[in-house]
Amino acid sequence: MLFKLILTKDTSFEDALKAVDVYGYGFAPVVDVEDRLVGIITDGDIRRAVLDGKRDLESIINRKPYSLPEGISQKKAFQTLRSIKRRQAPVVDKNNRLVDVITLDDIDFNAKPNAAVIMAGGLGTRLGDLTKTTPKPMLPIGKKPVLEYIVEALFRNGFTNLMISVNYKSEIIKDYFKDGSDFGVEIEYLEETKRLGTAGSLGLITREMDAPFLVMNGDILTSLNFGDLLRHHVATNAALTVCSREFNYQLQYGIIEQQEGRVVDFKEKPSLDFQISAGIYALSPEIISLIPEDTFYDMTTAISDACKNNLHVTTFPLDGYWIDIGQKQDYDNAINDYATE
């Protein structure tokens, strides 16, 4: 139910006090009898009125409040409230009728303290001329670069504390995303002075990591619920969780099975089913101690080292949409998949 104060000639100061108290967010929207937004009253307005001995509503209603348009996205609302340094704003339709109230408490409820690290420093050499002037994560898919889809997906899942590892043409990424505030997130850049692989840049993290965090490659588009991955990681008490995906490979040749030089079977171009890494991981802070300083170090090596150190490594199956744009055909497929975006 949308709480509001309906302003009529009979509306009292006490009514305003109750409305602010009932709404629970430190303010109440004020509307006329046709639900058109008149203004807002905050608990601060109420306190000042009491101290000044005022009881006249007309003198304490803020009649020029900042409002948001009906249909605004959660991301845009988050960005706007943060930029104007307000915790709430009424939402109105084109006729200025109150339809909702958005508060940062509504938006932040899903925000997680856990960080997410995006590996975006690779050269993308398999994409040929496409990455001669543009880093792979900044290749356009429709109207946005790949990396923006990743940032938006993390935001939707409550991950607003991001680190992006950069190296090749890093200025393009940094100039586009800046500190992340335009995208509803906070971004810290891990600057690779040389290529450190898909895990080596984790050694550049200087903050204290006291909670599990996500790591993913910067060339992946997926419908994965990142929150589910993190919950699985915590529930299994894992040190490292590898997001896995089923992969089928059709061999081009027939397979001969033999024993002591004698053919015992022949299989014509069999297909093989196996699990591959999807390039998305959940890590507990203890994994960082495995990362060598200023050394090329891939996630595959990190997984092997974790196993050798008897750390608990598990998998999380990814069943939904997933594509790695490492090759030209995959990039073209992604463009087709997102053609309506």
C-alpha atoms as a PDB file:
ATOM      1  CA  MET A   1       0.000   0.000   0.000  1.00  0.00           C
ATOM      2  CA  LEU A   2       1.279   3.477  -0.931  1.00  0.00           C
ATOM      3  CA  PHE A   3       1.056   5.740   2.113  1.00  0.00           C
ATOM      4  CA  LYS A   4       0.440   9.406   1.382  1.00  0.00           C
ATOM      5  CA  LEU A   5      -0.996  12.532   2.943  1.00  0.00           C
ATOM      6  CA  ILE A   6      -4.089  13.810   1.147  1.00  0.00           C
ATOM      7  CA  LEU A   7      -4.203  17.570   1.497  1.00  0.00           C
ATOM      8  CA  THR A   8      -7.640  19.100   2.027  1.00  0.00           C
ATOM      9  CA  LYS A   9      -8.876  22.096   3.967  1.00  0.00           C
ATOM     10  CA  ASP A  10      -9.369  19.765   6.947  1.00  0.00           C
ATOM     11  CA  THR A  11      -5.892  18.162   6.920  1.00  0.00           C
ATOM     12  CA  SER A  12      -4.129  18.881  10.199  1.00  0.00           C
ATOM     13  CA  PHE A  13      -0.541  19.073  11.413  1.00  0.00           C
ATOM     14  CA  GLU A  14      -1.211  15.905  13.415  1.00  0.00           C
ATOM     15  CA  ASP A  15      -2.267  14.147  10.202  1.00  0.00           C
ATOM     16  CA  ALA A  16       1.070  15.066   8.665  1.00  0.00           C
ATOM     17  CA  LEU A  17       2.927  13.827  11.739  1.00  0.00           C
ATOM     18  CA  LYS A  18       1.115  10.475  11.576  1.00  0.00           C
ATOM     19  CA  ALA A  19       1.724  10.145   7.826  1.00  0.00           C
ATOM     20  CA  VAL A  20       5.470  10.641   8.199  1.00  0.00           C
ATOM     21  CA  ASP A  21       5.527   8.186  11.115  1.00  0.00           C
ATOM     22  CA  VAL A  22       3.444   5.523   9.333  1.00  0.00           C
ATOM     23  CA  TYR A  23       5.405   5.686   6.093  1.00  0.00           C
ATOM     24  CA  GLY A  24       8.579   4.818   7.959  1.00  0.00           C
ATOM     25  CA  TYR A  25      11.098   6.389   5.591  1.00  0.00           C
ATOM     26  CA  GLY A  26      11.328   9.788   7.276  1.00  0.00           C
ATOM     27  CA  PHE A  27       9.007  11.548   4.867  1.00  0.00           C
ATOM     28  CA  ALA A  28       5.552  11.381   3.302  1.00  0.00           C
ATOM     29  CA  PRO A  29       4.330  12.411  -0.160  1.00  0.00           C
ATOM     30  CA  VAL A  30       1.534  14.978  -0.164  1.00  0.00           C
ATOM     31  CA  VAL A  31      -1.200  14.809  -2.833  1.00  0.00           C
ATOM     32  CA  ASP A  32      -4.467  16.543  -3.600  1.00  0.00           C
ATOM     33  CA  VAL A  33      -7.817  14.758  -3.777  1.00  0.00           C
ATOM     34  CA  GLU A  34      -7.068  13.699  -7.383  1.00  0.00           C
ATOM     35  CA  ASP A  35      -3.734  12.147  -6.372  1.00  0.00           C
ATOM     36  CA  ARG A  36      -1.675  14.875  -8.042  1.00  0.00           C
ATOM     37  CA  LEU A  37       1.614  15.431  -6.249  1.00  0.00           C
ATOM     38  CA  VAL A  38       1.568  18.604  -4.148  1.00  0.00           C
ATOM     39  CA  GLY A  39       4.878  18.127  -2.370  1.00  0.00           C
ATOM     40  CA  ILE A  40       6.527  16.203   0.446  1.00  0.00           C
ATOM     41  CA  ILE A  41       6.927  16.556   4.206  1.00  0.00           C
ATOM     42  CA  THR A  42       9.978  15.142   5.978  1.00  0.00           C
ATOM     43  CA  ASP A  43      10.572  14.333   9.609  1.00  0.00           C
ATOM     44  CA  GLY A  44      13.055  17.221   9.587  1.00  0.00           C
ATOM     45  CA  ASP A  45      10.276  19.569   8.474  1.00  0.00           C
ATOM     46  CA  ILE A  46       8.120  18.297  11.337  1.00  0.00           C
ATOM     47  CA  ARG A  47      10.879  18.764  13.929  1.00  0.00           C
ATOM     48  CA  ARG A  48      11.661  22.293  12.776  1.00  0.00           C
ATOM     49  CA  ALA A  49       7.961  23.197  12.839  1.00  0.00           C
ATOM     50  CA  VAL A  50       7.640  21.925  16.409  1.00  0.00           C
ATOM     51  CA  LEU A  51      10.708  23.857  17.542  1.00  0.00           C
ATOM     52  CA  ASP A  52       9.416  27.011  15.844  1.00  0.00           C
ATOM     53  CA  GLY A  53       5.921  26.557  17.239  1.00  0.00           C
ATOM     54  CA  LYS A  54       4.375  26.272  13.772  1.00  0.00           C
ATOM     55  CA  ARG A  55       1.317  24.193  12.917  1.00  0.00           C
ATOM     56  CA  ASP A  56       0.482  25.594   9.481  1.00  0.00           C
ATOM     57  CA  LEU A  57       0.986  22.857   6.850  1.00  0.00           C
ATOM     58  CA  GLU A  58       1.291  25.363   4.037  1.00  0.00           C
ATOM     59  CA  SER A  59       4.455  26.729   5.609  1.00  0.00           C
ATOM     60  CA  ILE A  60       6.203  23.376   5.991  1.00  0.00           C
ATOM     61  CA  ILE A  61       5.286  21.441   2.819  1.00  0.00           C
ATOM     62  CA  ASN A  62       8.112  21.309   0.297  1.00  0.00           C
ATOM     63  CA  ARG A  63       6.178  22.099  -2.873  1.00  0.00           C
ATOM     64  CA  LYS A  64       9.113  21.661  -5.225  1.00  0.00           C
ATOM     65  CA  PRO A  65      10.337  18.138  -4.473  1.00  0.00           C
ATOM     66  CA  TYR A  66      12.495  16.184  -6.874  1.00  0.00           C
ATOM     67  CA  SER A  67      10.334  13.537  -8.569  1.00  0.00           C
ATOM     68  CA  LEU A  68      11.047  10.594 -10.844  1.00  0.00           C
ATOM     69  CA  PRO A  69       9.068   9.722 -13.994  1.00  0.00           C
ATOM     70  CA  GLU A  70       6.831   6.681 -14.140  1.00  0.00           C
ATOM     71  CA  GLY A  71       8.577   3.706 -15.779  1.00  0.00           C
ATOM     72  CA  ILE A  72      12.095   4.672 -14.687  1.00  0.00           C
ATOM     73  CA  SER A  73      14.407   1.682 -14.425  1.00  0.00           C
ATOM     74  CA  GLN A  74      15.789   0.582 -11.081  1.00  0.00           C
ATOM     75  CA  LYS A  75      19.312   1.304 -12.285  1.00  0.00           C
ATOM     76  CA  LYS A  76      18.450   4.828 -13.418  1.00  0.00           C
ATOM     77  CA  ALA A  77      16.562   5.541 -10.192  1.00  0.00           C
ATOM     78  CA  PHE A  78      19.577   4.318  -8.187  1.00  0.00           C
ATOM     79  CA  GLN A  79      21.921   6.542 -10.195  1.00  0.00           C
ATOM     80  CA  THR A  80      19.660   9.581  -9.894  1.00  0.00           C
ATOM     81  CA  LEU A  81      19.102   9.350  -6.149  1.00  0.00           C
ATOM     82  CA  ARG A  82      22.792   8.835  -5.555  1.00  0.00           C
ATOM     83  CA  SER A  83      23.738  11.803  -7.774  1.00  0.00           C
ATOM     84  CA  ILE A  84      21.297  14.231  -6.120  1.00  0.00           C
ATOM     85  CA  LYS A  85      22.179  12.884  -2.658  1.00  0.00           C
ATOM     86  CA  ARG A  86      18.626  11.948  -1.711  1.00  0.00           C
ATOM     87  CA  ARG A  87      17.361   8.721  -0.224  1.00  0.00           C
ATOM     88  CA  GLN A  88      13.861   8.877  -1.665  1.00  0.00           C
ATOM     89  CA  ALA A  89      11.717  10.520  -4.324  1.00  0.00           C
ATOM     90  CA  PRO A  90       8.063  10.306  -5.430  1.00  0.00           C
ATOM     91  CA  VAL A  91       7.311   8.759  -8.819  1.00  0.00           C
ATOM     92  CA  VAL A  92       4.685  10.528 -10.931  1.00  0.00           C
ATOM     93  CA  ASP A  93       2.966   9.895 -14.244  1.00  0.00           C
ATOM     94  CA  LYS A  94       2.776  12.387 -17.104  1.00  0.00           C
ATOM     95  CA  ASN A  95      -0.165  14.105 -15.363  1.00  0.00           C
ATOM     96  CA  ASN A  96       1.843  14.527 -12.129  1.00  0.00           C
ATOM     97  CA  ARG A  97      -0.225  11.895 -10.334  1.00  0.00           C
ATOM     98  CA  LEU A  98       1.610   9.962  -7.646  1.00  0.00           C
ATOM     99  CA  VAL A  99       2.127   6.330  -8.678  1.00  0.00           C
ATOM    100  CA  ASP A 100       4.938   5.209  -6.371  1.00  0.00           C
ATOM    101  CA  VAL A 101       7.759   6.221  -4.091  1.00  0.00           C
ATOM    102  CA  ILE A 102      11.279   4.901  -4.624  1.00  0.00           C
ATOM    103  CA  THR A 103      13.828   4.919  -1.830  1.00  0.00           C
ATOM    104  CA  LEU A 104      17.423   3.833  -1.771  1.00  0.00           C
ATOM    105  CA  ASP A 105      16.333   1.362   0.901  1.00  0.00           C
ATOM    106  CA  ASP A 106      14.104  -0.300  -1.701  1.00  0.00           C
ATOM    107  CA  ILE A 107      16.941  -0.438  -4.202  1.00  0.00           C
ATOM    108  CA  ASP A 108      19.765  -1.272  -1.799  1.00  0.00           C
ATOM    109  CA  PHE A 109      17.981  -4.156  -0.075  1.00  0.00           C
ATOM    110  CA  ASN A 110      19.549  -6.585  -2.537  1.00  0.00           C
ATOM    111  CA  ALA A 111      22.980  -4.964  -2.540  1.00  0.00           C
ATOM    112  CA  LYS A 112      25.643  -7.386  -1.376  1.00  0.00           C
ATOM    113  CA  PRO A 113      28.861  -6.528   0.437  1.00  0.00           C
ATOM    114  CA  ASN A 114      30.683  -9.085  -1.691  1.00  0.00           C
ATOM    115  CA  ALA A 115      32.994  -7.802  -4.404  1.00  0.00           C
ATOM    116  CA  ALA A 116      33.053  -8.930  -8.022  1.00  0.00           C
ATOM    117  CA  VAL A 117      36.264  -8.885 -10.072  1.00  0.00           C
ATOM    118  CA  ILE A 118      36.052  -8.650 -13.868  1.00  0.00           C
ATOM    119  CA  MET A 119      39.124  -9.713 -15.839  1.00  0.00           C
ATOM    120  CA  ALA A 120      39.287  -7.244 -18.745  1.00  0.00           C
ATOM    121  CA  GLY A 121      42.990  -7.002 -19.536  1.00  0.00           C
ATOM    122  CA  GLY A 122      43.352  -9.591 -22.306  1.00  0.00           C
ATOM    123  CA  LEU A 123      44.551  -8.883 -25.843  1.00  0.00           C
ATOM    124  CA  GLY A 124      41.731 -10.664 -27.697  1.00  0.00           C
ATOM    125  CA  THR A 125      44.109 -11.750 -30.457  1.00  0.00           C
ATOM    126  CA  ARG A 126      41.738 -14.463 -31.728  1.00  0.00           C
ATOM    127  CA  LEU A 127      39.367 -11.722 -32.852  1.00  0.00           C
ATOM    128  CA  GLY A 128      41.928 -10.318 -35.279  1.00  0.00           C
ATOM    129  CA  ASP A 129      41.382  -6.773 -36.532  1.00  0.00           C
ATOM    130  CA  LEU A 130      38.363  -6.260 -34.256  1.00  0.00           C
ATOM    131  CA  THR A 131      40.628  -5.763 -31.253  1.00  0.00           C
ATOM    132  CA  LYS A 132      43.425  -3.790 -32.914  1.00  0.00           C
ATOM    133  CA  THR A 133      42.021  -0.530 -31.588  1.00  0.00           C
ATOM    134  CA  THR A 134      39.407  -1.764 -29.113  1.00  0.00           C
ATOM    135  CA  PRO A 135      39.876  -4.030 -26.080  1.00  0.00           C
ATOM    136  CA  LYS A 136      37.716  -7.135 -26.360  1.00  0.00           C
ATOM    137  CA  PRO A 137      35.391  -6.272 -23.437  1.00  0.00           C
ATOM    138  CA  MET A 138      34.535  -2.986 -25.185  1.00  0.00           C
ATOM    139  CA  LEU A 139      33.422  -4.535 -28.474  1.00  0.00           C
ATOM    140  CA  PRO A 140      29.865  -3.379 -29.183  1.00  0.00           C
ATOM    141  CA  ILE A 141      26.863  -5.668 -28.913  1.00  0.00           C
ATOM    142  CA  GLY A 142      24.008  -3.540 -30.190  1.00  0.00           C
ATOM    143  CA  LYS A 143      24.352  -0.107 -28.578  1.00  0.00           C
ATOM    144  CA  LYS A 144      26.507  -1.168 -25.630  1.00  0.00           C
ATOM    145  CA  PRO A 145      29.908  -2.782 -25.131  1.00  0.00           C
ATOM    146  CA  VAL A 146      30.138  -6.323 -23.800  1.00  0.00           C
ATOM    147  CA  LEU A 147      31.499  -5.087 -20.487  1.00  0.00           C
ATOM    148  CA  GLU A 148      28.450  -2.884 -19.895  1.00  0.00           C
ATOM    149  CA  TYR A 149      26.172  -5.929 -20.155  1.00  0.00           C
ATOM    150  CA  ILE A 150      28.344  -7.638 -17.541  1.00  0.00           C
ATOM    151  CA  VAL A 151      28.251  -4.628 -15.201  1.00  0.00           C
ATOM    152  CA  GLU A 152      24.463  -4.384 -15.588  1.00  0.00           C
ATOM    153  CA  ALA A 153      24.002  -8.099 -14.903  1.00  0.00           C
ATOM    154  CA  LEU A 154      26.077  -7.854 -11.735  1.00  0.00           C
ATOM    155  CA  PHE A 155      24.104  -4.776 -10.654  1.00  0.00           C
ATOM    156  CA  ARG A 156      20.782  -6.598 -11.171  1.00  0.00           C
ATOM    157  CA  ASN A 157      22.053  -9.362  -8.917  1.00  0.00           C
ATOM    158  CA  GLY A 158      23.068  -6.952  -6.161  1.00  0.00           C
ATOM    159  CA  PHE A 159      26.807  -6.722  -6.873  1.00  0.00           C
ATOM    160  CA  THR A 160      27.713  -3.026  -6.831  1.00  0.00           C
ATOM    161  CA  ASN A 161      31.254  -3.292  -5.447  1.00  0.00           C
ATOM    162  CA  LEU A 162      33.310  -4.024  -8.565  1.00  0.00           C
ATOM    163  CA  MET A 163      36.979  -4.321  -9.440  1.00  0.00           C
ATOM    164  CA  ILE A 164      38.028  -4.394 -13.088  1.00  0.00           C
ATOM    165  CA  SER A 165      41.457  -5.718 -14.019  1.00  0.00           C
ATOM    166  CA  VAL A 166      42.795  -3.754 -17.003  1.00  0.00           C
ATOM    167  CA  ASN A 167      45.889  -3.804 -19.188  1.00  0.00           C
ATOM    168  CA  TYR A 168      45.465  -3.676 -22.979  1.00  0.00           C
ATOM    169  CA  LYS A 169      44.084  -0.235 -23.982  1.00  0.00           C
ATOM    170  CA  SER A 170      42.943   0.265 -20.423  1.00  0.00           C
ATOM    171  CA  GLU A 171      42.225   3.959 -20.968  1.00  0.00           C
ATOM    172  CA  ILE A 172      39.235   3.090 -23.187  1.00  0.00           C
ATOM    173  CA  ILE A 173      37.616   1.072 -20.394  1.00  0.00           C
ATOM    174  CA  LYS A 174      38.432   3.623 -17.697  1.00  0.00           C
ATOM    175  CA  ASP A 175      37.198   6.581 -19.748  1.00  0.00           C
ATOM    176  CA  TYR A 176      33.898   4.819 -20.401  1.00  0.00           C
ATOM    177  CA  PHE A 177      33.071   3.518 -16.916  1.00  0.00           C
ATOM    178  CA  LYS A 178      35.021   6.016 -14.789  1.00  0.00           C
ATOM    179  CA  ASP A 179      34.200   5.366 -11.111  1.00  0.00           C
ATOM    180  CA  GLY A 180      31.050   3.422 -11.991  1.00  0.00           C
ATOM    181  CA  SER A 181      28.592   5.916 -10.501  1.00  0.00           C
ATOM    182  CA  ASP A 182      26.815   6.366 -13.856  1.00  0.00           C
ATOM    183  CA  PHE A 183      26.067   2.637 -13.783  1.00  0.00           C
ATOM    184  CA  GLY A 184      24.934   2.399 -10.162  1.00  0.00           C
ATOM    185  CA  VAL A 185      28.156   0.708  -9.009  1.00  0.00           C
ATOM    186  CA  GLU A 186      31.549   1.549  -7.523  1.00  0.00           C
ATOM    187  CA  ILE A 187      34.548   0.553  -9.635  1.00  0.00           C
ATOM    188  CA  GLU A 188      38.163   0.129  -8.571  1.00  0.00           C
ATOM    189  CA  TYR A 189      40.699  -0.634 -11.298  1.00  0.00           C
ATOM    190  CA  LEU A 190      43.434  -3.228 -10.896  1.00  0.00           C
ATOM    191  CA  GLU A 191      46.212  -1.918 -13.135  1.00  0.00           C
ATOM    192  CA  GLU A 192      48.293  -4.640 -14.767  1.00  0.00           C
ATOM    193  CA  THR A 193      51.639  -3.194 -15.868  1.00  0.00           C
ATOM    194  CA  LYS A 194      52.158  -6.470 -17.710  1.00  0.00           C
ATOM    195  CA  ARG A 195      49.854  -9.343 -18.600  1.00  0.00           C
ATOM    196  CA  LEU A 196      49.107 -11.388 -15.489  1.00  0.00           C
ATOM    197  CA  GLY A 197      46.669 -13.995 -16.813  1.00  0.00           C
ATOM    198  CA  THR A 198      43.126 -14.763 -15.704  1.00  0.00           C
ATOM    199  CA  ALA A 199      44.018 -14.921 -12.000  1.00  0.00           C
ATOM    200  CA  GLY A 200      47.348 -13.134 -11.565  1.00  0.00           C
ATOM    201  CA  SER A 201      45.784  -9.699 -11.175  1.00  0.00           C
ATOM    202  CA  LEU A 202      44.055 -10.904  -7.994  1.00  0.00           C
ATOM    203  CA  GLY A 203      47.475 -10.371  -6.435  1.00  0.00           C
ATOM    204  CA  LEU A 204      46.988  -6.634  -7.070  1.00  0.00           C
ATOM    205  CA  ILE A 205      44.075  -6.441  -4.629  1.00  0.00           C
ATOM    206  CA  THR A 206      45.176  -4.302  -1.715  1.00  0.00           C
ATOM    207  CA  ARG A 207      41.959  -4.096   0.284  1.00  0.00           C
ATOM    208  CA  GLU A 208      41.172  -6.611   3.018  1.00  0.00           C
ATOM    209  CA  MET A 209      38.961  -9.307   1.505  1.00  0.00           C
ATOM    210  CA  ASP A 210      36.897 -10.649   4.382  1.00  0.00           C
ATOM    211  CA  ALA A 211      34.066 -12.250   2.396  1.00  0.00           C
ATOM    212  CA  PRO A 212      33.737 -14.532  -0.641  1.00  0.00           C
ATOM    213  CA  PHE A 213      33.856 -12.715  -3.979  1.00  0.00           C
ATOM    214  CA  LEU A 214      33.162 -13.363  -7.647  1.00  0.00           C
ATOM    215  CA  VAL A 215      35.676 -13.479 -10.472  1.00  0.00           C
ATOM    216  CA  MET A 216      34.677 -13.599 -14.123  1.00  0.00           C
ATOM    217  CA  ASN A 217      36.186 -13.048 -17.529  1.00  0.00           C
ATOM    218  CA  GLY A 218      35.291  -9.802 -19.257  1.00  0.00           C
ATOM    219  CA  ASP A 219      34.147 -11.429 -22.499  1.00  0.00           C
ATOM    220  CA  ILE A 220      31.213 -13.490 -21.214  1.00  0.00           C
ATOM    221  CA  LEU A 221      27.496 -12.860 -21.627  1.00  0.00           C
ATOM    222  CA  THR A 222      25.229 -14.988 -19.472  1.00  0.00           C
ATOM    223  CA  SER A 223      21.845 -15.208 -17.776  1.00  0.00           C
ATOM    224  CA  LEU A 224      23.460 -16.734 -14.671  1.00  0.00           C
ATOM    225  CA  ASN A 225      22.039 -15.647 -11.321  1.00  0.00           C
ATOM    226  CA  PHE A 226      25.279 -14.590  -9.645  1.00  0.00           C
ATOM    227  CA  GLY A 227      23.582 -14.570  -6.264  1.00  0.00           C
ATOM    228  CA  ASP A 228      22.755 -18.270  -6.626  1.00  0.00           C
ATOM    229  CA  LEU A 229      26.403 -18.996  -7.403  1.00  0.00           C
ATOM    230  CA  LEU A 230      27.542 -17.135  -4.290  1.00  0.00           C
ATOM    231  CA  ARG A 231      24.940 -18.848  -2.087  1.00  0.00           C
ATOM    232  CA  HIS A 232      26.049 -22.263  -3.369  1.00  0.00           C
ATOM    233  CA  HIS A 233      29.672 -21.379  -2.683  1.00  0.00           C
ATOM    234  CA  VAL A 234      28.902 -20.398   0.913  1.00  0.00           C
ATOM    235  CA  ALA A 235      26.535 -23.321   1.538  1.00  0.00           C
ATOM    236  CA  THR A 236      29.153 -25.864   0.434  1.00  0.00           C
ATOM    237  CA  ASN A 237      31.885 -24.164   2.488  1.00  0.00           C
ATOM    238  CA  ALA A 238      34.064 -24.104  -0.624  1.00  0.00           C
ATOM    239  CA  ALA A 239      37.339 -22.294  -1.058  1.00  0.00           C
ATOM    240  CA  LEU A 240      36.796 -22.070  -4.813  1.00  0.00           C
ATOM    241  CA  THR A 241      33.713 -22.746  -6.916  1.00  0.00           C
ATOM    242  CA  VAL A 242      34.002 -23.176 -10.670  1.00  0.00           C
ATOM    243  CA  CYS A 243      30.909 -22.349 -12.677  1.00  0.00           C
ATOM    244  CA  SER A 244      30.645 -25.254 -15.113  1.00  0.00           C
ATOM    245  CA  ARG A 245      28.796 -25.808 -18.359  1.00  0.00           C
ATOM    246  CA  GLU A 246      28.004 -28.980 -20.265  1.00  0.00           C
ATOM    247  CA  PHE A 247      29.801 -29.164 -23.598  1.00  0.00           C
ATOM    248  CA  ASN A 248      29.383 -31.596 -26.474  1.00  0.00           C
ATOM    249  CA  TYR A 249      32.152 -32.216 -28.988  1.00  0.00           C
ATOM    250  CA  GLN A 250      31.627 -34.185 -32.200  1.00  0.00           C
ATOM    251  CA  LEU A 251      34.834 -35.918 -33.317  1.00  0.00           C
ATOM    252  CA  GLN A 252      35.627 -35.688 -37.032  1.00  0.00           C
ATOM    253  CA  TYR A 253      37.108 -39.160 -37.205  1.00  0.00           C
ATOM    254  CA  GLY A 254      36.169 -42.704 -36.379  1.00  0.00           C
ATOM    255  CA  ILE A 255      37.727 -44.165 -33.233  1.00  0.00           C
ATOM    256  CA  ILE A 256      39.459 -47.547 -33.293  1.00  0.00           C
ATOM    257  CA  GLU A 257      39.447 -49.531 -30.066  1.00  0.00           C
ATOM    258  CA  GLN A 258      42.097 -52.222 -29.927  1.00  0.00           C
ATOM    259  CA  GLN A 259      43.727 -54.649 -27.569  1.00  0.00           C
ATOM    260  CA  GLU A 260      47.233 -55.973 -28.253  1.00  0.00           C
ATOM    261  CA  GLY A 261      47.032 -54.891 -31.894  1.00  0.00           C
ATOM    262  CA  ARG A 262      43.625 -56.502 -32.486  1.00  0.00           C
ATOM    263  CA  VAL A 263      40.667 -54.265 -33.348  1.00  0.00           C
ATOM    264  CA  VAL A 264      37.836 -55.002 -30.919  1.00  0.00           C
ATOM    265  CA  ASP A 265      35.479 -52.158 -31.844  1.00  0.00           C
ATOM    266  CA  PHE A 266      35.082 -49.172 -34.120  1.00  0.00           C
ATOM    267  CA  LYS A 267      33.016 -46.058 -33.395  1.00  0.00           C
ATOM    268  CA  GLU A 268      32.189 -43.730 -36.257  1.00  0.00           C
ATOM    269  CA  LYS A 269      32.711 -40.079 -35.250  1.00  0.00           C
ATOM    270  CA  PRO A 270      31.460 -40.383 -31.667  1.00  0.00           C
ATOM    271  CA  SER A 271      30.422 -37.325 -29.669  1.00  0.00           C
ATOM    272  CA  LEU A 272      31.893 -36.593 -26.276  1.00  0.00           C
ATOM    273  CA  ASP A 273      30.050 -34.903 -23.407  1.00  0.00           C
ATOM    274  CA  PHE A 274      32.011 -33.182 -20.665  1.00  0.00           C
ATOM    275  CA  GLN A 275      31.969 -30.200 -18.320  1.00  0.00           C
ATOM    276  CA  ILE A 276      33.944 -27.054 -19.136  1.00  0.00           C
ATOM    277  CA  SER A 277      34.742 -23.984 -17.061  1.00  0.00           C
ATOM    278  CA  ALA A 278      32.377 -21.119 -17.876  1.00  0.00           C
ATOM    279  CA  GLY A 279      34.957 -18.533 -16.854  1.00  0.00           C
ATOM    280  CA  ILE A 280      32.991 -17.498 -13.761  1.00  0.00           C
ATOM    281  CA  TYR A 281      34.115 -18.320 -10.233  1.00  0.00           C
ATOM    282  CA  ALA A 282      33.368 -17.737  -6.568  1.00  0.00           C
ATOM    283  CA  LEU A 283      36.433 -17.502  -4.343  1.00  0.00           C
ATOM    284  CA  SER A 284      36.958 -17.362  -0.624  1.00  0.00           C
ATOM    285  CA  PRO A 285      39.641 -14.913   0.590  1.00  0.00           C
ATOM    286  CA  GLU A 286      42.075 -17.740   1.406  1.00  0.00           C
ATOM    287  CA  ILE A 287      42.622 -18.301  -2.339  1.00  0.00           C
ATOM    288  CA  ILE A 288      44.424 -14.956  -2.628  1.00  0.00           C
ATOM    289  CA  SER A 289      47.331 -16.391  -0.640  1.00  0.00           C
ATOM    290  CA  LEU A 290      47.976 -18.796  -3.546  1.00  0.00           C
ATOM    291  CA  ILE A 291      48.426 -15.973  -6.075  1.00  0.00           C
ATOM    292  CA  PRO A 292      52.122 -15.263  -6.793  1.00  0.00           C
ATOM    293  CA  GLU A 293      53.162 -11.616  -6.842  1.00  0.00           C
ATOM    294  CA  ASP A 294      53.680  -9.922 -10.218  1.00  0.00           C
ATOM    295  CA  THR A 295      53.591 -13.244 -12.087  1.00  0.00           C
ATOM    296  CA  PHE A 296      51.497 -14.546 -14.968  1.00  0.00           C
ATOM    297  CA  TYR A 297      49.022 -16.916 -13.364  1.00  0.00           C
ATOM    298  CA  ASP A 298      45.890 -18.378 -14.930  1.00  0.00           C
ATOM    299  CA  MET A 299      42.763 -19.507 -13.132  1.00  0.00           C
ATOM    300  CA  THR A 300      43.405 -23.067 -14.333  1.00  0.00           C
ATOM    301  CA  THR A 301      46.643 -23.048 -12.330  1.00  0.00           C
ATOM    302  CA  ALA A 302      44.862 -21.547  -9.336  1.00  0.00           C
ATOM    303  CA  ILE A 303      42.325 -24.375  -9.416  1.00  0.00           C
ATOM    304  CA  SER A 304      45.090 -26.987  -9.632  1.00  0.00           C
ATOM    305  CA  ASP A 305      47.029 -25.352  -6.791  1.00  0.00           C
ATOM    306  CA  ALA A 306      43.898 -25.197  -4.636  1.00  0.00           C
ATOM    307  CA  CYS A 307      43.369 -28.920  -5.155  1.00  0.00           C
ATOM    308  CA  LYS A 308      47.031 -29.676  -4.372  1.00  0.00           C
ATOM    309  CA  ASN A 309      46.656 -27.726  -1.129  1.00  0.00           C
ATOM    310  CA  ASN A 310      43.612 -29.823  -0.195  1.00  0.00           C
ATOM    311  CA  LEU A 311      41.273 -26.848  -0.362  1.00  0.00           C
ATOM    312  CA  HIS A 312      37.644 -27.578  -1.074  1.00  0.00           C
ATOM    313  CA  VAL A 313      36.950 -26.946  -4.774  1.00  0.00           C
ATOM    314  CA  THR A 314      33.452 -27.476  -6.121  1.00  0.00           C
ATOM    315  CA  THR A 315      31.370 -26.722  -9.209  1.00  0.00           C
ATOM    316  CA  PHE A 316      28.138 -24.886  -9.909  1.00  0.00           C
ATOM    317  CA  PRO A 317      26.259 -25.849 -13.098  1.00  0.00           C
ATOM    318  CA  LEU A 318      25.254 -23.069 -15.487  1.00  0.00           C
ATOM    319  CA  ASP A 319      22.166 -24.165 -17.414  1.00  0.00           C
ATOM    320  CA  GLY A 320      20.971 -20.878 -18.897  1.00  0.00           C
ATOM    321  CA  TYR A 321      22.328 -18.588 -21.588  1.00  0.00           C
ATOM    322  CA  TRP A 322      26.102 -18.361 -21.869  1.00  0.00           C
ATOM    323  CA  ILE A 323      28.451 -17.256 -24.612  1.00  0.00           C
ATOM    324  CA  ASP A 324      32.169 -16.497 -24.673  1.00  0.00           C
ATOM    325  CA  ILE A 325      32.990 -13.990 -27.424  1.00  0.00           C
ATOM    326  CA  GLY A 326      36.605 -15.113 -27.729  1.00  0.00           C
ATOM    327  CA  GLN A 327      36.229 -15.939 -31.413  1.00  0.00           C
ATOM    328  CA  LYS A 328      34.697 -14.084 -34.375  1.00  0.00           C
ATOM    329  CA  GLN A 329      31.834 -16.544 -34.847  1.00  0.00           C
ATOM    330  CA  ASP A 330      30.904 -16.338 -31.174  1.00  0.00           C
ATOM    331  CA  TYR A 331      30.949 -12.543 -31.367  1.00  0.00           C
ATOM    332  CA  ASP A 332      28.645 -12.630 -34.399  1.00  0.00           C
ATOM    333  CA  ASN A 333      26.329 -15.034 -32.568  1.00  0.00           C
ATOM    334  CA  ALA A 334      26.175 -12.692 -29.572  1.00  0.00           C
ATOM    335  CA  ILE A 335      25.281  -9.763 -31.840  1.00  0.00           C
ATOM    336  CA  ASN A 336      22.407 -11.806 -33.261  1.00  0.00           C
ATOM    337  CA  ASP A 337      21.282 -12.936 -29.801  1.00  0.00           C
ATOM    338  CA  TYR A 338      21.130  -9.340 -28.558  1.00  0.00           C
ATOM    339  CA  ALA A 339      19.725  -7.860 -31.784  1.00  0.00           C
ATOM    340  CA  THR A 340      16.596  -6.613 -29.991  1.00  0.00           C
ATOM    341  CA  GLU A 341      18.453  -4.965 -27.103  1.00  0.00           C
END
